[in-house]
Every structure is written in structure tokens, then in C-alpha cells.
């Protein structure tokens, strides 16, 4: 009983702190974020969805990672975070396939940061099936398993779905964030990585008020 009460008190405190921080600044539609003309359906109704739009080859996405990774861990229980890989070119789709294949193999979280590092620190393009399979093999799967996952119907479907979501988000590039399928935050509007997260918190609280 005590454990359940303590957990509930902790959740309330997190929500209170999160809400107060989000409402500390008042951001303006059209200036700090964009309201989508047609909302995009969220994956899990009942939760406030935060989608990060990214591409492994994007240097700005790489720069954003040290900011968003610790931020994700602070999100309250009523918020659901997910990543949506960009699909704007053949190479982007290859990396999107790698993202979903790693997810299907259960190694996505383990190698996500390292995928960025291999490209931006070690100058490995990871632009084809063989190099990606070799990379995956460092995380406890065989190259054959990796190649099968990369070619699987499930992964191809998810890449197509990601493309459809990006079109629905009216996104023209990355990095970006979409809150609950209704609001898009672009880097040019946010001005800085910390401000991008503050705008996200503001919009999360805005959605919380209408849930």
C-alpha cells in the first residue's frame, strides 16, 4: 500500500513540475511552432504523443541527440515518445529501414546512439545492406538475421508508414518534433535545442489541458 501511494505521489510531483516548467514561457502559434492543417492520427490514443523526426546522416540531428536523450527520461507517464525516421531520399530510406530492422531485432535502443557515432565520428556511411548487417552483428545478431530483417515486409511497411506520416506532418526536413499529431516544431523556428524542448513541453501541457 505504502509503495503504491509513494509511487502515485511521485507521479503527481513529476506532472506538477513538468507542467509548471512548460507554462513558464508562452509560445506563439505561427512563430514558435506550426499547427497542422489536418491532424495526423496518433499511434496510441489516450497518450500525448511526441514524435522526433530524424535522419542518422543529419549533422543537426546528431547535435540534437545529447539534448533529447536525457529529456526523454523526464517525460511523465501520460506522454508517449517515438522516433520517426526521414524518408526523403534513397539513402534516407536505407537508414529508415535500418532503424526499423534494429527495432524488430530488439537492438534498436542499444545501437541508436552508436549509429549516429559511426557516421559522424567514424565516417562510416552505413549506406548499404552489407555494411549495416556487419554493424548489427556487433549487437548480438547474425548478419543473415540482419539482412532478413532489412528486407522484411514488416520493415518495408513501417518505412512506407513513416513516409506517409512525414507527409501528413508537412515536414520538409529534420530534425523536428510533432506533438500529438497536431503541432510541428522546426529548428529554424525554435532557434536552439533547449528552446525546442521547451516549446515541446509547452505543447504537451496544452494537449494535457484538453485530454
N, C-alpha and C. Protein backbone atom coordinates (compact mmCIF):
# COMPACT_ATOMS: atom_id res chain seq x y z
N UNK A 1 0.84 -1.20 0.00
CA UNK A 1 0.00 0.00 0.00
C UNK A 1 0.87 1.25 0.00
N UNK A 2 1.86 1.27 0.91
CA UNK A 2 2.74 2.44 1.00
C UNK A 2 3.46 2.67 -0.31
N UNK A 3 3.91 1.56 -0.94
CA UNK A 3 4.64 1.69 -2.21
C UNK A 3 3.76 2.31 -3.28
N UNK A 4 2.49 1.86 -3.37
CA UNK A 4 1.58 2.41 -4.37
C UNK A 4 1.32 3.89 -4.12
N UNK A 5 1.14 4.27 -2.85
CA UNK A 5 0.89 5.68 -2.51
C UNK A 5 2.10 6.52 -2.85
N UNK A 6 3.28 6.03 -2.49
CA UNK A 6 4.51 6.77 -2.77
C UNK A 6 4.72 6.95 -4.27
N UNK A 7 4.40 5.90 -5.04
CA UNK A 7 4.55 5.98 -6.49
C UNK A 7 3.60 7.02 -7.06
N UNK A 8 2.35 7.01 -6.54
CA UNK A 8 1.37 7.97 -7.03
C UNK A 8 1.77 9.40 -6.70
N UNK A 9 2.28 9.63 -5.48
CA UNK A 9 2.75 10.96 -5.09
C UNK A 9 3.89 11.41 -6.00
N UNK A 10 4.79 10.48 -6.30
CA UNK A 10 5.92 10.79 -7.19
C UNK A 10 5.43 11.19 -8.57
N UNK A 11 4.42 10.46 -9.11
CA UNK A 11 3.88 10.78 -10.43
C UNK A 11 3.24 12.16 -10.44
N UNK A 12 2.51 12.48 -9.37
CA UNK A 12 1.86 13.79 -9.28
C UNK A 12 2.90 14.90 -9.23
N UNK A 13 3.98 14.69 -8.46
CA UNK A 13 5.03 15.69 -8.37
C UNK A 13 5.70 15.92 -9.72
N UNK A 14 5.96 14.82 -10.45
CA UNK A 14 6.58 14.94 -11.77
C UNK A 14 5.69 15.74 -12.70
N UNK A 15 4.39 15.43 -12.71
CA UNK A 15 3.45 16.15 -13.57
C UNK A 15 3.38 17.62 -13.19
N UNK A 16 3.40 17.90 -11.89
CA UNK A 16 3.32 19.29 -11.42
C UNK A 16 4.53 20.09 -11.86
N UNK A 17 5.72 19.53 -11.66
CA UNK A 17 6.96 20.20 -12.05
C UNK A 17 7.01 20.38 -13.55
N UNK A 18 6.66 19.31 -14.29
CA UNK A 18 6.68 19.34 -15.75
C UNK A 18 5.73 20.42 -16.26
N UNK A 19 4.53 20.48 -15.69
CA UNK A 19 3.53 21.45 -16.14
C UNK A 19 3.97 22.88 -15.85
N UNK A 20 4.53 23.11 -14.67
CA UNK A 20 4.95 24.47 -14.31
C UNK A 20 6.09 24.96 -15.19
N UNK A 21 7.00 24.05 -15.54
CA UNK A 21 8.10 24.42 -16.43
C UNK A 21 7.58 24.72 -17.83
N UNK A 22 6.64 23.91 -18.28
CA UNK A 22 6.10 24.10 -19.63
C UNK A 22 5.36 25.41 -19.78
N UNK A 23 4.64 25.81 -18.73
CA UNK A 23 3.83 27.02 -18.82
C UNK A 23 4.61 28.27 -18.42
N UNK A 24 5.89 28.09 -18.07
CA UNK A 24 6.69 29.25 -17.65
C UNK A 24 6.89 30.22 -18.81
N UNK A 25 6.90 29.67 -20.03
CA UNK A 25 7.03 30.52 -21.21
C UNK A 25 5.77 30.38 -22.05
N UNK A 26 5.37 31.44 -22.71
CA UNK A 26 4.17 31.41 -23.53
C UNK A 26 4.59 31.50 -24.98
N UNK A 27 4.46 30.40 -25.71
CA UNK A 27 4.90 30.36 -27.10
C UNK A 27 3.72 30.63 -28.04
N UNK A 28 4.04 31.13 -29.22
CA UNK A 28 3.02 31.64 -30.14
C UNK A 28 2.94 30.78 -31.40
N UNK A 29 1.73 30.37 -31.73
CA UNK A 29 1.48 29.61 -32.95
C UNK A 29 1.87 30.45 -34.17
N UNK A 30 2.57 29.84 -35.11
CA UNK A 30 3.00 30.53 -36.32
C UNK A 30 4.36 31.19 -36.17
N UNK A 31 4.77 31.39 -34.93
CA UNK A 31 6.08 32.00 -34.66
C UNK A 31 7.04 30.96 -34.07
N UNK A 32 6.56 30.24 -33.09
CA UNK A 32 7.40 29.25 -32.41
C UNK A 32 7.09 27.81 -32.81
N UNK A 33 5.92 27.58 -33.36
CA UNK A 33 5.51 26.25 -33.79
C UNK A 33 4.40 26.39 -34.82
N UNK A 34 4.13 25.29 -35.52
CA UNK A 34 3.12 25.28 -36.58
C UNK A 34 1.99 24.33 -36.19
N UNK A 35 0.77 24.81 -36.31
CA UNK A 35 -0.39 23.92 -36.14
C UNK A 35 -0.70 23.28 -37.49
N UNK A 36 -0.75 21.97 -37.54
CA UNK A 36 -1.01 21.27 -38.79
C UNK A 36 -2.45 21.52 -39.25
N UNK A 37 -2.63 21.71 -40.52
CA UNK A 37 -3.98 21.98 -41.05
C UNK A 37 -4.89 20.77 -40.85
N UNK A 38 -4.31 19.57 -40.97
CA UNK A 38 -5.07 18.34 -40.72
C UNK A 38 -4.29 17.49 -39.73
N UNK A 39 -4.81 17.25 -38.54
CA UNK A 39 -4.09 16.44 -37.55
C UNK A 39 -3.81 15.03 -38.08
N UNK A 40 -2.70 14.48 -37.65
CA UNK A 40 -2.31 13.12 -38.03
C UNK A 40 -2.65 12.19 -36.86
N UNK A 41 -3.28 11.06 -37.16
CA UNK A 41 -3.67 10.12 -36.10
C UNK A 41 -2.46 9.65 -35.31
N UNK A 42 -2.61 9.56 -34.00
CA UNK A 42 -1.52 9.10 -33.14
C UNK A 42 -1.58 7.59 -33.00
N UNK A 43 -0.45 7.00 -32.61
CA UNK A 43 -0.35 5.55 -32.54
C UNK A 43 -1.08 4.96 -31.34
N UNK A 44 -1.16 5.73 -30.27
CA UNK A 44 -1.78 5.23 -29.05
C UNK A 44 -2.70 6.28 -28.44
N UNK A 45 -3.95 6.33 -28.87
CA UNK A 45 -4.89 7.31 -28.32
C UNK A 45 -4.97 7.20 -26.80
N UNK A 46 -5.11 8.36 -26.17
CA UNK A 46 -5.14 8.37 -24.70
C UNK A 46 -3.82 8.82 -24.11
N UNK A 47 -2.75 8.75 -24.91
CA UNK A 47 -1.44 9.25 -24.51
C UNK A 47 -1.10 10.45 -25.39
N UNK A 48 -0.34 11.37 -24.84
CA UNK A 48 0.14 12.51 -25.63
C UNK A 48 1.39 12.06 -26.38
N UNK A 49 1.31 12.07 -27.68
CA UNK A 49 2.41 11.54 -28.48
C UNK A 49 3.43 12.63 -28.84
N UNK A 50 4.69 12.31 -28.63
CA UNK A 50 5.80 13.18 -29.04
C UNK A 50 6.61 12.40 -30.07
N UNK A 51 6.67 12.90 -31.29
CA UNK A 51 7.42 12.25 -32.34
C UNK A 51 8.64 13.08 -32.70
N UNK A 52 9.78 12.45 -32.70
CA UNK A 52 11.02 13.11 -33.14
C UNK A 52 11.29 12.70 -34.58
N UNK A 53 11.44 13.66 -35.46
CA UNK A 53 11.75 13.41 -36.86
C UNK A 53 13.26 13.52 -37.02
N UNK A 54 13.88 12.49 -37.59
CA UNK A 54 15.35 12.48 -37.64
C UNK A 54 15.85 11.69 -38.85
N UNK A 55 17.13 11.87 -39.11
CA UNK A 55 17.85 11.02 -40.07
C UNK A 55 19.24 10.81 -39.50
N UNK A 56 19.70 9.57 -39.55
CA UNK A 56 21.02 9.27 -38.98
C UNK A 56 22.14 10.07 -39.64
N UNK A 57 21.99 10.41 -40.91
CA UNK A 57 23.05 11.14 -41.60
C UNK A 57 23.01 12.64 -41.39
N UNK A 58 22.01 13.13 -40.66
CA UNK A 58 21.85 14.57 -40.46
C UNK A 58 22.73 15.08 -39.32
N UNK A 59 23.66 16.01 -39.58
CA UNK A 59 24.53 16.51 -38.52
C UNK A 59 23.76 17.26 -37.43
N UNK A 60 22.67 17.91 -37.80
CA UNK A 60 21.87 18.63 -36.80
C UNK A 60 21.14 17.65 -35.88
N UNK A 61 20.67 16.54 -36.45
CA UNK A 61 20.04 15.51 -35.62
C UNK A 61 21.05 14.92 -34.65
N UNK A 62 22.26 14.76 -35.14
CA UNK A 62 23.35 14.26 -34.29
C UNK A 62 23.62 15.24 -33.14
N UNK A 63 23.62 16.52 -33.44
CA UNK A 63 23.83 17.55 -32.41
C UNK A 63 22.68 17.60 -31.41
N UNK A 64 21.48 17.26 -31.87
CA UNK A 64 20.29 17.31 -31.02
C UNK A 64 20.24 16.15 -30.01
N UNK A 65 20.86 15.04 -30.36
CA UNK A 65 20.78 13.83 -29.53
C UNK A 65 21.17 14.04 -28.06
N UNK A 66 22.27 14.74 -27.76
CA UNK A 66 22.63 14.91 -26.35
C UNK A 66 21.61 15.72 -25.55
N UNK A 67 20.76 16.44 -26.25
CA UNK A 67 19.72 17.22 -25.57
C UNK A 67 18.44 16.39 -25.39
N UNK A 68 18.06 15.68 -26.44
CA UNK A 68 16.76 14.99 -26.38
C UNK A 68 16.83 13.69 -25.59
N UNK A 69 17.98 13.02 -25.59
CA UNK A 69 18.07 11.73 -24.89
C UNK A 69 17.77 11.85 -23.39
N UNK A 70 18.42 12.76 -22.66
CA UNK A 70 18.08 12.88 -21.24
C UNK A 70 16.67 13.43 -21.02
N UNK A 71 16.19 14.25 -21.96
CA UNK A 71 14.85 14.83 -21.85
C UNK A 71 13.78 13.75 -21.92
N UNK A 72 13.99 12.76 -22.77
CA UNK A 72 13.03 11.66 -22.92
C UNK A 72 12.77 10.98 -21.57
N UNK A 73 13.83 10.85 -20.79
CA UNK A 73 13.72 10.16 -19.50
C UNK A 73 12.90 10.95 -18.48
N UNK A 74 12.65 12.22 -18.74
CA UNK A 74 11.88 13.04 -17.79
C UNK A 74 10.39 13.07 -18.14
N UNK A 75 10.00 12.48 -19.25
CA UNK A 75 8.61 12.58 -19.69
C UNK A 75 7.67 11.84 -18.74
N UNK A 76 6.56 12.45 -18.38
CA UNK A 76 5.58 11.81 -17.49
C UNK A 76 4.92 10.60 -18.15
N UNK A 77 4.19 9.83 -17.36
CA UNK A 77 3.59 8.60 -17.84
C UNK A 77 2.51 8.81 -18.89
N UNK A 78 1.94 10.01 -18.94
CA UNK A 78 0.87 10.24 -19.92
C UNK A 78 1.42 10.68 -21.28
N UNK A 79 2.74 10.66 -21.43
CA UNK A 79 3.38 11.05 -22.69
C UNK A 79 4.07 9.83 -23.31
N UNK A 80 3.84 9.65 -24.60
CA UNK A 80 4.47 8.54 -25.33
C UNK A 80 5.43 9.12 -26.37
N UNK A 81 6.70 8.72 -26.29
CA UNK A 81 7.71 9.23 -27.22
C UNK A 81 8.01 8.18 -28.29
N UNK A 82 8.17 8.62 -29.52
CA UNK A 82 8.65 7.72 -30.55
C UNK A 82 9.46 8.48 -31.60
N UNK A 83 10.32 7.76 -32.27
CA UNK A 83 11.13 8.35 -33.32
C UNK A 83 10.54 7.99 -34.68
N UNK A 84 10.56 8.97 -35.58
CA UNK A 84 10.09 8.75 -36.95
C UNK A 84 11.23 9.10 -37.89
N UNK A 85 11.82 8.11 -38.55
CA UNK A 85 12.96 8.39 -39.44
C UNK A 85 12.51 9.04 -40.74
N UNK A 86 13.34 9.95 -41.24
CA UNK A 86 13.06 10.59 -42.51
C UNK A 86 13.19 9.63 -43.67
N UNK A 87 12.46 9.89 -44.74
CA UNK A 87 12.48 9.00 -45.92
C UNK A 87 12.58 9.82 -47.22
N UNK A 88 13.32 10.93 -47.18
CA UNK A 88 13.30 11.87 -48.29
C UNK A 88 14.20 11.51 -49.47
N UNK A 89 14.98 10.46 -49.35
CA UNK A 89 15.82 10.02 -50.46
C UNK A 89 16.11 8.53 -50.29
N UNK A 90 16.80 7.96 -51.27
CA UNK A 90 17.13 6.53 -51.21
C UNK A 90 17.97 6.21 -49.97
N UNK A 91 18.98 7.04 -49.69
CA UNK A 91 19.84 6.80 -48.54
C UNK A 91 19.04 6.95 -47.24
N UNK A 92 18.18 7.94 -47.19
CA UNK A 92 17.35 8.14 -46.00
C UNK A 92 16.47 6.91 -45.77
N UNK A 93 15.91 6.36 -46.84
CA UNK A 93 15.07 5.17 -46.71
C UNK A 93 15.89 3.96 -46.26
N UNK A 94 17.14 3.88 -46.71
CA UNK A 94 18.02 2.81 -46.26
C UNK A 94 18.23 2.89 -44.75
N UNK A 95 18.48 4.10 -44.26
CA UNK A 95 18.68 4.30 -42.83
C UNK A 95 17.37 4.11 -42.06
N UNK A 96 16.24 4.47 -42.67
CA UNK A 96 14.95 4.22 -42.03
C UNK A 96 14.71 2.72 -41.90
N UNK A 97 15.07 1.97 -42.93
CA UNK A 97 14.96 0.51 -42.88
C UNK A 97 15.84 -0.06 -41.77
N UNK A 98 17.04 0.50 -41.65
CA UNK A 98 17.95 0.04 -40.59
C UNK A 98 17.34 0.31 -39.21
N UNK A 99 16.73 1.48 -39.05
CA UNK A 99 16.12 1.84 -37.77
C UNK A 99 15.03 0.83 -37.40
N UNK A 100 14.14 0.53 -38.34
CA UNK A 100 13.03 -0.38 -38.04
C UNK A 100 13.49 -1.83 -37.96
N UNK A 101 14.52 -2.20 -38.72
CA UNK A 101 15.06 -3.56 -38.63
C UNK A 101 15.69 -3.77 -37.25
N UNK A 102 16.43 -2.78 -36.78
CA UNK A 102 17.04 -2.88 -35.45
C UNK A 102 15.96 -2.99 -34.37
N UNK A 103 14.89 -2.23 -34.56
CA UNK A 103 13.76 -2.28 -33.63
C UNK A 103 13.15 -3.68 -33.63
N UNK A 104 12.96 -4.26 -34.81
CA UNK A 104 12.36 -5.59 -34.93
C UNK A 104 13.25 -6.66 -34.31
N UNK A 105 14.55 -6.46 -34.37
CA UNK A 105 15.51 -7.42 -33.81
C UNK A 105 15.76 -7.21 -32.32
N UNK A 106 15.17 -6.17 -31.75
CA UNK A 106 15.32 -5.90 -30.33
C UNK A 106 16.64 -5.26 -29.94
N UNK A 107 17.31 -4.61 -30.92
CA UNK A 107 18.59 -3.98 -30.62
C UNK A 107 18.56 -2.48 -30.91
N UNK A 108 17.36 -1.95 -31.16
CA UNK A 108 17.25 -0.55 -31.55
C UNK A 108 17.81 0.42 -30.54
N UNK A 109 17.40 0.30 -29.30
CA UNK A 109 17.87 1.24 -28.26
C UNK A 109 19.36 1.08 -28.01
N UNK A 110 19.85 -0.14 -28.13
CA UNK A 110 21.28 -0.40 -27.88
C UNK A 110 22.18 0.33 -28.88
N UNK A 111 21.76 0.33 -30.15
CA UNK A 111 22.68 0.85 -31.18
C UNK A 111 22.32 2.23 -31.72
N UNK A 112 21.21 2.80 -31.25
CA UNK A 112 20.74 4.08 -31.82
C UNK A 112 21.83 5.16 -31.78
N UNK A 113 22.39 5.40 -30.61
CA UNK A 113 23.42 6.44 -30.47
C UNK A 113 24.67 6.08 -31.28
N UNK A 114 25.01 4.79 -31.29
CA UNK A 114 26.22 4.36 -31.99
C UNK A 114 26.06 4.50 -33.50
N UNK A 115 24.83 4.36 -34.00
CA UNK A 115 24.59 4.56 -35.44
C UNK A 115 24.99 5.98 -35.83
N UNK A 116 24.55 6.94 -35.03
CA UNK A 116 24.97 8.33 -35.24
C UNK A 116 26.49 8.46 -35.18
N UNK A 117 27.08 7.85 -34.15
CA UNK A 117 28.53 7.99 -33.94
C UNK A 117 29.33 7.40 -35.09
N UNK A 118 28.88 6.25 -35.61
CA UNK A 118 29.62 5.62 -36.72
C UNK A 118 29.67 6.54 -37.93
N UNK A 119 28.58 7.25 -38.17
CA UNK A 119 28.52 8.14 -39.32
C UNK A 119 29.28 9.44 -39.07
N UNK A 120 29.04 10.06 -37.93
CA UNK A 120 29.55 11.42 -37.69
C UNK A 120 30.90 11.47 -36.99
N UNK A 121 31.30 10.39 -36.35
CA UNK A 121 32.61 10.37 -35.70
C UNK A 121 33.61 9.49 -36.45
N UNK A 122 33.09 8.38 -37.00
CA UNK A 122 33.99 7.43 -37.64
C UNK A 122 33.89 7.43 -39.16
N UNK A 123 33.06 8.33 -39.69
CA UNK A 123 32.93 8.49 -41.15
C UNK A 123 32.54 7.20 -41.89
N UNK A 124 31.71 6.37 -41.25
CA UNK A 124 31.16 5.19 -41.90
C UNK A 124 29.77 5.57 -42.44
N UNK A 125 29.54 5.42 -43.72
CA UNK A 125 28.27 5.87 -44.30
C UNK A 125 27.12 4.94 -43.96
N UNK A 126 27.41 3.65 -43.74
CA UNK A 126 26.36 2.66 -43.47
C UNK A 126 25.22 2.83 -44.49
N UNK A 127 25.62 2.81 -45.76
CA UNK A 127 24.70 3.15 -46.84
C UNK A 127 24.18 1.95 -47.61
N UNK A 128 24.56 0.73 -47.20
CA UNK A 128 24.10 -0.44 -47.93
C UNK A 128 23.85 -1.59 -46.95
N UNK A 129 23.19 -2.59 -47.47
CA UNK A 129 22.77 -3.74 -46.66
C UNK A 129 23.94 -4.43 -45.98
N UNK A 130 25.04 -4.63 -46.70
CA UNK A 130 26.18 -5.36 -46.13
C UNK A 130 26.81 -4.62 -44.96
N UNK A 131 27.06 -3.32 -45.12
CA UNK A 131 27.70 -2.57 -44.04
C UNK A 131 26.78 -2.47 -42.82
N UNK A 132 25.49 -2.35 -43.06
CA UNK A 132 24.54 -2.28 -41.94
C UNK A 132 24.47 -3.62 -41.23
N UNK A 133 24.46 -4.72 -42.00
CA UNK A 133 24.41 -6.06 -41.40
C UNK A 133 25.66 -6.33 -40.56
N UNK A 134 26.81 -5.90 -41.05
CA UNK A 134 28.05 -6.06 -40.28
C UNK A 134 28.00 -5.26 -38.99
N UNK A 135 27.45 -4.08 -39.07
CA UNK A 135 27.30 -3.24 -37.88
C UNK A 135 26.35 -3.89 -36.87
N UNK A 136 25.22 -4.37 -37.35
CA UNK A 136 24.25 -5.02 -36.48
C UNK A 136 24.84 -6.24 -35.78
N UNK A 137 25.74 -6.95 -36.49
CA UNK A 137 26.33 -8.17 -35.94
C UNK A 137 27.13 -7.90 -34.66
N UNK A 138 27.50 -6.66 -34.43
CA UNK A 138 28.20 -6.30 -33.19
C UNK A 138 27.27 -6.26 -31.99
N UNK A 139 25.97 -6.39 -32.25
CA UNK A 139 24.97 -6.27 -31.19
C UNK A 139 24.20 -7.57 -30.95
N UNK A 140 24.85 -8.70 -31.25
CA UNK A 140 24.29 -9.99 -30.86
C UNK A 140 23.37 -10.65 -31.85
N UNK A 141 23.31 -10.16 -33.09
CA UNK A 141 22.54 -10.84 -34.12
C UNK A 141 23.50 -11.24 -35.24
N UNK A 142 23.09 -12.17 -36.06
CA UNK A 142 23.95 -12.56 -37.19
C UNK A 142 23.70 -11.64 -38.38
N UNK A 143 24.64 -11.61 -39.28
CA UNK A 143 24.47 -10.79 -40.48
C UNK A 143 23.27 -11.27 -41.29
N UNK A 144 23.06 -12.59 -41.30
CA UNK A 144 21.92 -13.14 -42.03
C UNK A 144 20.60 -12.67 -41.42
N UNK A 145 20.51 -12.66 -40.10
CA UNK A 145 19.31 -12.16 -39.42
C UNK A 145 19.08 -10.68 -39.75
N UNK A 146 20.17 -9.94 -39.76
CA UNK A 146 20.07 -8.51 -40.06
C UNK A 146 19.56 -8.28 -41.48
N UNK A 147 20.08 -9.02 -42.44
CA UNK A 147 19.68 -8.85 -43.83
C UNK A 147 18.22 -9.25 -44.04
N UNK A 148 17.80 -10.31 -43.37
CA UNK A 148 16.40 -10.73 -43.48
C UNK A 148 15.47 -9.67 -42.91
N UNK A 149 15.88 -9.08 -41.79
CA UNK A 149 15.07 -8.03 -41.17
C UNK A 149 14.99 -6.80 -42.08
N UNK A 150 16.10 -6.42 -42.68
CA UNK A 150 16.14 -5.26 -43.55
C UNK A 150 15.22 -5.43 -44.77
N UNK A 151 15.07 -6.68 -45.23
CA UNK A 151 14.26 -6.96 -46.42
C UNK A 151 12.82 -7.34 -46.08
N UNK A 152 12.51 -7.44 -44.80
CA UNK A 152 11.21 -7.98 -44.39
C UNK A 152 10.05 -7.07 -44.78
N UNK A 153 8.89 -7.70 -44.94
CA UNK A 153 7.69 -6.96 -45.29
C UNK A 153 7.33 -5.97 -44.18
N UNK A 154 7.50 -6.39 -42.93
CA UNK A 154 7.17 -5.53 -41.80
C UNK A 154 7.98 -4.25 -41.80
N UNK A 155 9.27 -4.36 -42.08
CA UNK A 155 10.14 -3.19 -42.10
C UNK A 155 9.78 -2.29 -43.27
N UNK A 156 9.57 -2.88 -44.44
CA UNK A 156 9.19 -2.08 -45.61
C UNK A 156 7.89 -1.32 -45.35
N UNK A 157 6.94 -1.99 -44.69
CA UNK A 157 5.66 -1.34 -44.37
C UNK A 157 5.86 -0.16 -43.43
N UNK A 158 6.74 -0.34 -42.44
CA UNK A 158 6.97 0.75 -41.49
C UNK A 158 7.66 1.93 -42.15
N UNK A 159 8.55 1.68 -43.08
CA UNK A 159 9.20 2.77 -43.82
C UNK A 159 8.16 3.53 -44.63
N UNK A 160 7.25 2.82 -45.26
CA UNK A 160 6.18 3.48 -46.01
C UNK A 160 5.27 4.29 -45.09
N UNK A 161 4.97 3.73 -43.93
CA UNK A 161 4.13 4.44 -42.96
C UNK A 161 4.83 5.70 -42.46
N UNK A 162 6.14 5.61 -42.26
CA UNK A 162 6.90 6.79 -41.82
C UNK A 162 6.83 7.88 -42.88
N UNK A 163 6.95 7.49 -44.15
CA UNK A 163 6.83 8.46 -45.24
C UNK A 163 5.47 9.14 -45.26
N UNK A 164 4.43 8.33 -45.03
CA UNK A 164 3.07 8.89 -45.00
C UNK A 164 2.90 9.85 -43.83
N UNK A 165 3.48 9.51 -42.69
CA UNK A 165 3.38 10.40 -41.54
C UNK A 165 4.12 11.71 -41.79
N UNK A 166 5.27 11.63 -42.40
CA UNK A 166 6.03 12.85 -42.71
C UNK A 166 5.25 13.77 -43.64
N UNK A 167 4.57 13.17 -44.60
CA UNK A 167 3.73 13.97 -45.50
C UNK A 167 2.58 14.59 -44.72
N UNK A 168 1.99 13.82 -43.83
CA UNK A 168 0.92 14.35 -43.00
C UNK A 168 1.40 15.47 -42.09
N UNK A 169 2.63 15.34 -41.62
CA UNK A 169 3.21 16.37 -40.76
C UNK A 169 3.63 17.60 -41.57
N UNK A 170 3.60 17.49 -42.91
CA UNK A 170 4.04 18.57 -43.80
C UNK A 170 5.50 18.93 -43.53
N UNK A 171 6.27 17.91 -43.18
CA UNK A 171 7.68 18.12 -42.84
C UNK A 171 8.52 18.16 -44.11
N UNK A 172 9.41 19.13 -44.17
CA UNK A 172 10.29 19.27 -45.32
C UNK A 172 11.73 18.91 -44.99
N UNK A 173 12.00 18.64 -43.73
CA UNK A 173 13.35 18.29 -43.32
C UNK A 173 13.37 17.84 -41.88
N UNK A 174 14.58 17.62 -41.38
CA UNK A 174 14.80 17.19 -40.00
C UNK A 174 15.98 17.99 -39.43
N UNK A 175 16.14 18.01 -38.12
CA UNK A 175 15.29 17.42 -37.10
C UNK A 175 14.01 18.24 -36.89
N UNK A 176 13.04 17.59 -36.31
CA UNK A 176 11.79 18.26 -35.98
C UNK A 176 11.07 17.46 -34.91
N UNK A 177 10.04 18.04 -34.34
CA UNK A 177 9.23 17.35 -33.36
C UNK A 177 7.76 17.61 -33.68
N UNK A 178 6.94 16.60 -33.48
CA UNK A 178 5.50 16.75 -33.67
C UNK A 178 4.80 16.32 -32.39
N UNK A 179 3.95 17.19 -31.88
CA UNK A 179 3.26 16.92 -30.62
C UNK A 179 1.82 16.52 -30.89
N UNK A 180 1.52 15.28 -30.53
CA UNK A 180 0.17 14.71 -30.60
C UNK A 180 -0.45 14.80 -31.99
N UNK A 181 0.37 14.76 -33.02
CA UNK A 181 -0.12 14.80 -34.38
C UNK A 181 -0.74 16.12 -34.79
N UNK A 182 -0.55 17.16 -33.95
CA UNK A 182 -1.22 18.45 -34.20
C UNK A 182 -0.25 19.61 -34.43
N UNK A 183 0.90 19.57 -33.79
CA UNK A 183 1.82 20.72 -33.82
C UNK A 183 3.22 20.26 -34.23
N UNK A 184 3.83 21.00 -35.15
CA UNK A 184 5.19 20.69 -35.57
C UNK A 184 6.14 21.79 -35.11
N UNK A 185 7.27 21.38 -34.58
CA UNK A 185 8.31 22.32 -34.15
C UNK A 185 9.51 22.12 -35.06
N UNK A 186 9.93 23.16 -35.74
CA UNK A 186 11.09 23.11 -36.61
C UNK A 186 12.26 23.83 -35.95
N UNK A 187 13.46 23.42 -36.31
CA UNK A 187 14.65 24.02 -35.69
C UNK A 187 14.77 25.50 -35.98
N UNK A 188 14.41 25.92 -37.20
CA UNK A 188 14.52 27.34 -37.55
C UNK A 188 13.63 28.21 -36.71
N UNK A 189 12.46 27.71 -36.34
CA UNK A 189 11.53 28.47 -35.51
C UNK A 189 11.95 28.44 -34.05
N UNK A 190 12.46 27.29 -33.61
CA UNK A 190 12.83 27.15 -32.20
C UNK A 190 14.06 27.98 -31.85
N UNK A 191 15.03 28.00 -32.75
CA UNK A 191 16.22 28.82 -32.52
C UNK A 191 17.34 28.14 -31.77
N UNK A 192 17.03 27.17 -30.92
CA UNK A 192 18.06 26.44 -30.19
C UNK A 192 17.49 25.11 -29.73
N UNK A 193 18.38 24.17 -29.41
CA UNK A 193 17.91 22.86 -28.94
C UNK A 193 17.15 22.95 -27.62
N UNK A 194 17.67 23.67 -26.62
CA UNK A 194 16.90 23.78 -25.37
C UNK A 194 15.53 24.42 -25.59
N UNK A 195 15.45 25.42 -26.46
CA UNK A 195 14.17 26.08 -26.71
C UNK A 195 13.20 25.14 -27.42
N UNK A 196 13.73 24.29 -28.29
CA UNK A 196 12.89 23.32 -28.97
C UNK A 196 12.18 22.42 -27.96
N UNK A 197 12.90 22.00 -26.95
CA UNK A 197 12.33 21.14 -25.92
C UNK A 197 11.36 21.91 -25.03
N UNK A 198 11.63 23.17 -24.79
CA UNK A 198 10.70 23.99 -24.00
C UNK A 198 9.37 24.17 -24.74
N UNK A 199 9.46 24.37 -26.05
CA UNK A 199 8.24 24.50 -26.85
C UNK A 199 7.47 23.18 -26.81
N UNK A 200 8.19 22.08 -26.90
CA UNK A 200 7.55 20.76 -26.82
C UNK A 200 6.82 20.60 -25.49
N UNK A 201 7.45 21.01 -24.40
CA UNK A 201 6.82 20.92 -23.08
C UNK A 201 5.57 21.79 -23.00
N UNK A 202 5.66 22.96 -23.58
CA UNK A 202 4.51 23.87 -23.62
C UNK A 202 3.34 23.23 -24.36
N UNK A 203 3.62 22.58 -25.50
CA UNK A 203 2.57 21.97 -26.31
C UNK A 203 2.03 20.70 -25.65
N UNK A 204 2.89 19.98 -24.97
CA UNK A 204 2.43 18.81 -24.22
C UNK A 204 1.42 19.23 -23.17
N UNK A 205 1.74 20.30 -22.45
CA UNK A 205 0.82 20.80 -21.43
C UNK A 205 -0.46 21.33 -22.07
N UNK A 206 -0.33 21.95 -23.22
CA UNK A 206 -1.51 22.45 -23.95
C UNK A 206 -2.45 21.29 -24.29
N UNK A 207 -1.87 20.18 -24.72
CA UNK A 207 -2.67 19.00 -25.04
C UNK A 207 -3.23 18.35 -23.79
N UNK A 208 -2.46 18.38 -22.73
CA UNK A 208 -2.93 17.79 -21.48
C UNK A 208 -4.21 18.47 -20.99
N UNK A 209 -4.32 19.76 -21.25
CA UNK A 209 -5.48 20.52 -20.79
C UNK A 209 -6.77 20.12 -21.53
N UNK A 210 -6.62 19.53 -22.71
CA UNK A 210 -7.82 19.17 -23.48
C UNK A 210 -8.05 17.66 -23.55
N UNK A 211 -7.20 16.89 -22.87
CA UNK A 211 -7.35 15.44 -22.88
C UNK A 211 -8.62 15.00 -22.15
